[in-house]
Amino acid sequence: MKLDLHTDVCVRKNGVLVHRGPNFIVKAGRERLAALVKQDSSLVPLYMAIGDGSAITTDLTATLAGTEHERVLSTLTRDSNLLTWSAAFGAAIASPVTCREVAIFDAAAAGLLLSRIRPADFVITATDVIDITWDLRFGDP
């Protein structure tokens, strides 16, 4: 039996979509997701982080490429074969910051990087609210 995994990340700045697309799940992240399929609850909770690095993500990427500006705990919702993690940023970000990367970790500090995206650069100021959702859909979309 083949199990397809579909991923999608949405980044919104003050309610306006600034990035939507698939993301790179690194090797360590795929191993943790396999544990989730086996009903290992250690995958939850997940933390999302915003950084300013611009390096390309590879299968061995283990950290943000640049400075981490904020990391927040995400919330998880489940709907049939869809898992969605959501997080809101803004309160702790020094202004202004150019966001060049968003990553998902399994811990509040350091931890295992599961996934990283490189959205188009956008600037975050002290009054901005950044909302990020990460969807994992098992099977057909």
C-alpha atoms as a PDB file:
ATOM      1  CA  MET A   1       0.000   0.000   0.000  1.00  0.00           C
ATOM      2  CA  LYS A   2       1.321   3.434  -0.941  1.00  0.00           C
ATOM      3  CA  LEU A   3       0.548   6.401   1.314  1.00  0.00           C
ATOM      4  CA  ASP A   4       0.806   9.810  -0.332  1.00  0.00           C
ATOM      5  CA  LEU A   5       1.706  12.816   1.794  1.00  0.00           C
ATOM      6  CA  HIS A   6       0.698  16.293   0.612  1.00  0.00           C
ATOM      7  CA  THR A   7       2.055  19.395   2.340  1.00  0.00           C
ATOM      8  CA  ASP A   8       1.059  23.032   2.158  1.00  0.00           C
ATOM      9  CA  VAL A   9       2.237  26.094   4.086  1.00  0.00           C
ATOM     10  CA  CYS A  10       0.385  29.405   4.159  1.00  0.00           C
ATOM     11  CA  VAL A  11       1.933  32.594   5.541  1.00  0.00           C
ATOM     12  CA  ARG A  12      -0.282  35.632   6.097  1.00  0.00           C
ATOM     13  CA  LYS A  13       0.840  39.123   7.087  1.00  0.00           C
ATOM     14  CA  ASN A  14      -1.992  41.116   8.674  1.00  0.00           C
ATOM     15  CA  GLY A  15      -4.482  38.759   7.017  1.00  0.00           C
ATOM     16  CA  VAL A  16      -2.990  39.044   3.510  1.00  0.00           C
ATOM     17  CA  LEU A  17      -1.494  35.901   1.958  1.00  0.00           C
ATOM     18  CA  VAL A  18       2.243  36.403   1.307  1.00  0.00           C
ATOM     19  CA  HIS A  19       3.210  32.766   0.660  1.00  0.00           C
ATOM     20  CA  ARG A  20       1.455  29.517  -0.150  1.00  0.00           C
ATOM     21  CA  GLY A  21       3.050  26.350  -1.370  1.00  0.00           C
ATOM     22  CA  PRO A  22       4.673  23.041  -0.557  1.00  0.00           C
ATOM     23  CA  ASN A  23       7.574  22.858   1.857  1.00  0.00           C
ATOM     24  CA  PHE A  24      10.715  20.810   2.239  1.00  0.00           C
ATOM     25  CA  ILE A  25      10.379  18.117   4.894  1.00  0.00           C
ATOM     26  CA  VAL A  26      13.937  17.158   5.804  1.00  0.00           C
ATOM     27  CA  LYS A  27      15.038  13.565   6.437  1.00  0.00           C
ATOM     28  CA  ALA A  28      14.717  13.874  10.236  1.00  0.00           C
ATOM     29  CA  GLY A  29      11.266  15.383   9.768  1.00  0.00           C
ATOM     30  CA  ARG A  30      10.120  12.491   7.580  1.00  0.00           C
ATOM     31  CA  GLU A  31      11.254  10.088  10.290  1.00  0.00           C
ATOM     32  CA  ARG A  32       9.220  11.965  12.916  1.00  0.00           C
ATOM     33  CA  LEU A  33       6.170  11.991  10.629  1.00  0.00           C
ATOM     34  CA  ALA A  34       6.514   8.236  10.199  1.00  0.00           C
ATOM     35  CA  ALA A  35       6.335   8.017  14.008  1.00  0.00           C
ATOM     36  CA  LEU A  36       3.105  10.034  13.862  1.00  0.00           C
ATOM     37  CA  VAL A  37       1.608   7.526  11.446  1.00  0.00           C
ATOM     38  CA  LYS A  38       2.494   4.867  14.017  1.00  0.00           C
ATOM     39  CA  GLN A  39       0.495   6.961  16.555  1.00  0.00           C
ATOM     40  CA  ASP A  40       3.535   8.217  18.449  1.00  0.00           C
ATOM     41  CA  SER A  41       2.227  11.318  20.217  1.00  0.00           C
ATOM     42  CA  SER A  42       5.734  12.721  20.792  1.00  0.00           C
ATOM     43  CA  LEU A  43       5.389  14.671  17.533  1.00  0.00           C
ATOM     44  CA  VAL A  44       2.894  17.041  19.128  1.00  0.00           C
ATOM     45  CA  PRO A  45       3.347  19.859  20.074  1.00  0.00           C
ATOM     46  CA  LEU A  46       5.254  21.550  17.291  1.00  0.00           C
ATOM     47  CA  TYR A  47       6.851  24.986  17.302  1.00  0.00           C
ATOM     48  CA  MET A  48       7.158  27.351  14.343  1.00  0.00           C
ATOM     49  CA  ALA A  49      10.038  29.774  13.965  1.00  0.00           C
ATOM     50  CA  ILE A  50      10.708  32.808  11.773  1.00  0.00           C
ATOM     51  CA  GLY A  51      14.225  33.658  10.645  1.00  0.00           C
ATOM     52  CA  ASP A  52      16.181  35.772   8.187  1.00  0.00           C
ATOM     53  CA  GLY A  53      18.431  33.161   6.519  1.00  0.00           C
ATOM     54  CA  SER A  54      18.363  32.647   2.774  1.00  0.00           C
ATOM     55  CA  ALA A  55      20.224  29.351   2.299  1.00  0.00           C
ATOM     56  CA  ILE A  56      18.600  26.578   0.309  1.00  0.00           C
ATOM     57  CA  THR A  57      17.021  23.778   2.351  1.00  0.00           C
ATOM     58  CA  THR A  58      18.609  20.358   1.881  1.00  0.00           C
ATOM     59  CA  ASP A  59      17.756  16.940   3.251  1.00  0.00           C
ATOM     60  CA  LEU A  60      20.291  17.457   6.057  1.00  0.00           C
ATOM     61  CA  THR A  61      19.212  20.968   7.100  1.00  0.00           C
ATOM     62  CA  ALA A  62      19.009  20.961  10.915  1.00  0.00           C
ATOM     63  CA  THR A  63      18.660  24.630  11.915  1.00  0.00           C
ATOM     64  CA  LEU A  64      17.492  27.947  10.568  1.00  0.00           C
ATOM     65  CA  ALA A  65      20.036  29.383   8.159  1.00  0.00           C
ATOM     66  CA  GLY A  66      20.011  32.825   9.784  1.00  0.00           C
ATOM     67  CA  THR A  67      18.985  34.481  13.017  1.00  0.00           C
ATOM     68  CA  GLU A  68      15.833  33.144  14.668  1.00  0.00           C
ATOM     69  CA  HIS A  69      13.575  36.080  15.524  1.00  0.00           C
ATOM     70  CA  GLU A  70      10.687  34.301  17.204  1.00  0.00           C
ATOM     71  CA  ARG A  71       9.501  30.757  17.965  1.00  0.00           C
ATOM     72  CA  VAL A  72       5.953  30.017  19.073  1.00  0.00           C
ATOM     73  CA  LEU A  73       3.927  26.993  20.053  1.00  0.00           C
ATOM     74  CA  SER A  74       1.462  25.897  17.394  1.00  0.00           C
ATOM     75  CA  THR A  75      -2.000  24.451  17.825  1.00  0.00           C
ATOM     76  CA  LEU A  76      -3.058  21.236  16.110  1.00  0.00           C
ATOM     77  CA  THR A  77      -6.416  20.428  14.576  1.00  0.00           C
ATOM     78  CA  ARG A  78      -7.362  17.165  12.901  1.00  0.00           C
ATOM     79  CA  ASP A  79     -10.022  16.592  10.263  1.00  0.00           C
ATOM     80  CA  SER A  80     -10.125  13.085   8.816  1.00  0.00           C
ATOM     81  CA  ASN A  81      -6.835  12.697   6.908  1.00  0.00           C
ATOM     82  CA  LEU A  82      -5.759  16.349   7.370  1.00  0.00           C
ATOM     83  CA  LEU A  83      -3.520  17.622  10.185  1.00  0.00           C
ATOM     84  CA  THR A  84      -3.175  21.414  10.494  1.00  0.00           C
ATOM     85  CA  TRP A  85      -0.735  23.221  12.773  1.00  0.00           C
ATOM     86  CA  SER A  86      -1.337  26.980  13.239  1.00  0.00           C
ATOM     87  CA  ALA A  87       0.736  29.704  14.898  1.00  0.00           C
ATOM     88  CA  ALA A  88       0.657  33.496  15.229  1.00  0.00           C
ATOM     89  CA  PHE A  89       3.773  35.679  15.442  1.00  0.00           C
ATOM     90  CA  GLY A  90       4.479  39.314  16.113  1.00  0.00           C
ATOM     91  CA  ALA A  91       4.684  40.018  19.822  1.00  0.00           C
ATOM     92  CA  ALA A  92       8.391  39.278  20.258  1.00  0.00           C
ATOM     93  CA  ILE A  93       9.784  40.308  16.876  1.00  0.00           C
ATOM     94  CA  ALA A  94      12.149  43.275  16.938  1.00  0.00           C
ATOM     95  CA  SER A  95      11.260  45.708  14.211  1.00  0.00           C
ATOM     96  CA  PRO A  96      11.905  45.680  11.333  1.00  0.00           C
ATOM     97  CA  VAL A  97      12.850  42.133  10.357  1.00  0.00           C
ATOM     98  CA  THR A  98      13.012  40.680   6.870  1.00  0.00           C
ATOM     99  CA  CYS A  99      11.487  37.204   6.990  1.00  0.00           C
ATOM    100  CA  ARG A 100      13.297  34.836   4.644  1.00  0.00           C
ATOM    101  CA  GLU A 101      12.581  31.485   6.277  1.00  0.00           C
ATOM    102  CA  VAL A 102       9.954  29.672   8.320  1.00  0.00           C
ATOM    103  CA  ALA A 103      10.701  26.381  10.043  1.00  0.00           C
ATOM    104  CA  ILE A 104       8.929  23.792  12.147  1.00  0.00           C
ATOM    105  CA  PHE A 105      10.636  22.296  15.206  1.00  0.00           C
ATOM    106  CA  ASP A 106       9.711  19.728  17.847  1.00  0.00           C
ATOM    107  CA  ALA A 107      10.887  21.805  20.834  1.00  0.00           C
ATOM    108  CA  ALA A 108      10.605  25.306  22.288  1.00  0.00           C
ATOM    109  CA  ALA A 109      14.383  25.789  21.987  1.00  0.00           C
ATOM    110  CA  ALA A 110      16.857  24.058  19.674  1.00  0.00           C
ATOM    111  CA  GLY A 111      15.123  20.724  18.951  1.00  0.00           C
ATOM    112  CA  LEU A 112      14.734  18.782  15.733  1.00  0.00           C
ATOM    113  CA  LEU A 113      13.948  20.742  12.557  1.00  0.00           C
ATOM    114  CA  LEU A 114      11.176  18.954  10.670  1.00  0.00           C
ATOM    115  CA  SER A 115      10.497  21.311   7.798  1.00  0.00           C
ATOM    116  CA  ARG A 116      11.645  24.650   6.381  1.00  0.00           C
ATOM    117  CA  ILE A 117      10.358  26.971   3.670  1.00  0.00           C
ATOM    118  CA  ARG A 118      11.811  30.002   1.933  1.00  0.00           C
ATOM    119  CA  PRO A 119       8.924  32.389   1.261  1.00  0.00           C
ATOM    120  CA  ALA A 120       9.443  35.486  -0.847  1.00  0.00           C
ATOM    121  CA  ASP A 121      11.122  38.054   1.424  1.00  0.00           C
ATOM    122  CA  PHE A 122       8.739  40.263   3.408  1.00  0.00           C
ATOM    123  CA  VAL A 123       9.334  42.796   6.170  1.00  0.00           C
ATOM    124  CA  ILE A 124       7.758  42.436   9.604  1.00  0.00           C
ATOM    125  CA  THR A 125       7.267  45.560  11.728  1.00  0.00           C
ATOM    126  CA  ALA A 126       6.258  45.859  15.388  1.00  0.00           C
ATOM    127  CA  THR A 127       2.553  46.171  14.546  1.00  0.00           C
ATOM    128  CA  ASP A 128       2.344  43.221  12.122  1.00  0.00           C
ATOM    129  CA  VAL A 129       0.706  39.915  12.935  1.00  0.00           C
ATOM    130  CA  ILE A 130       2.008  36.888  11.047  1.00  0.00           C
ATOM    131  CA  ASP A 131      -0.204  33.782  10.868  1.00  0.00           C
ATOM    132  CA  ILE A 132       1.214  30.501   9.605  1.00  0.00           C
ATOM    133  CA  THR A 133      -0.587  27.231   8.908  1.00  0.00           C
ATOM    134  CA  TRP A 134       1.115  23.963   8.009  1.00  0.00           C
ATOM    135  CA  ASP A 135      -1.121  21.264   6.515  1.00  0.00           C
ATOM    136  CA  LEU A 136      -0.260  17.596   6.178  1.00  0.00           C
ATOM    137  CA  ARG A 137      -2.754  15.546   4.211  1.00  0.00           C
ATOM    138  CA  PHE A 138      -2.361  11.776   4.069  1.00  0.00           C
ATOM    139  CA  GLY A 139      -3.776  10.271   0.899  1.00  0.00           C
ATOM    140  CA  ASP A 140      -5.641  12.090  -1.855  1.00  0.00           C
ATOM    141  CA  PRO A 141      -6.107  15.878  -1.567  1.00  0.00           C
END
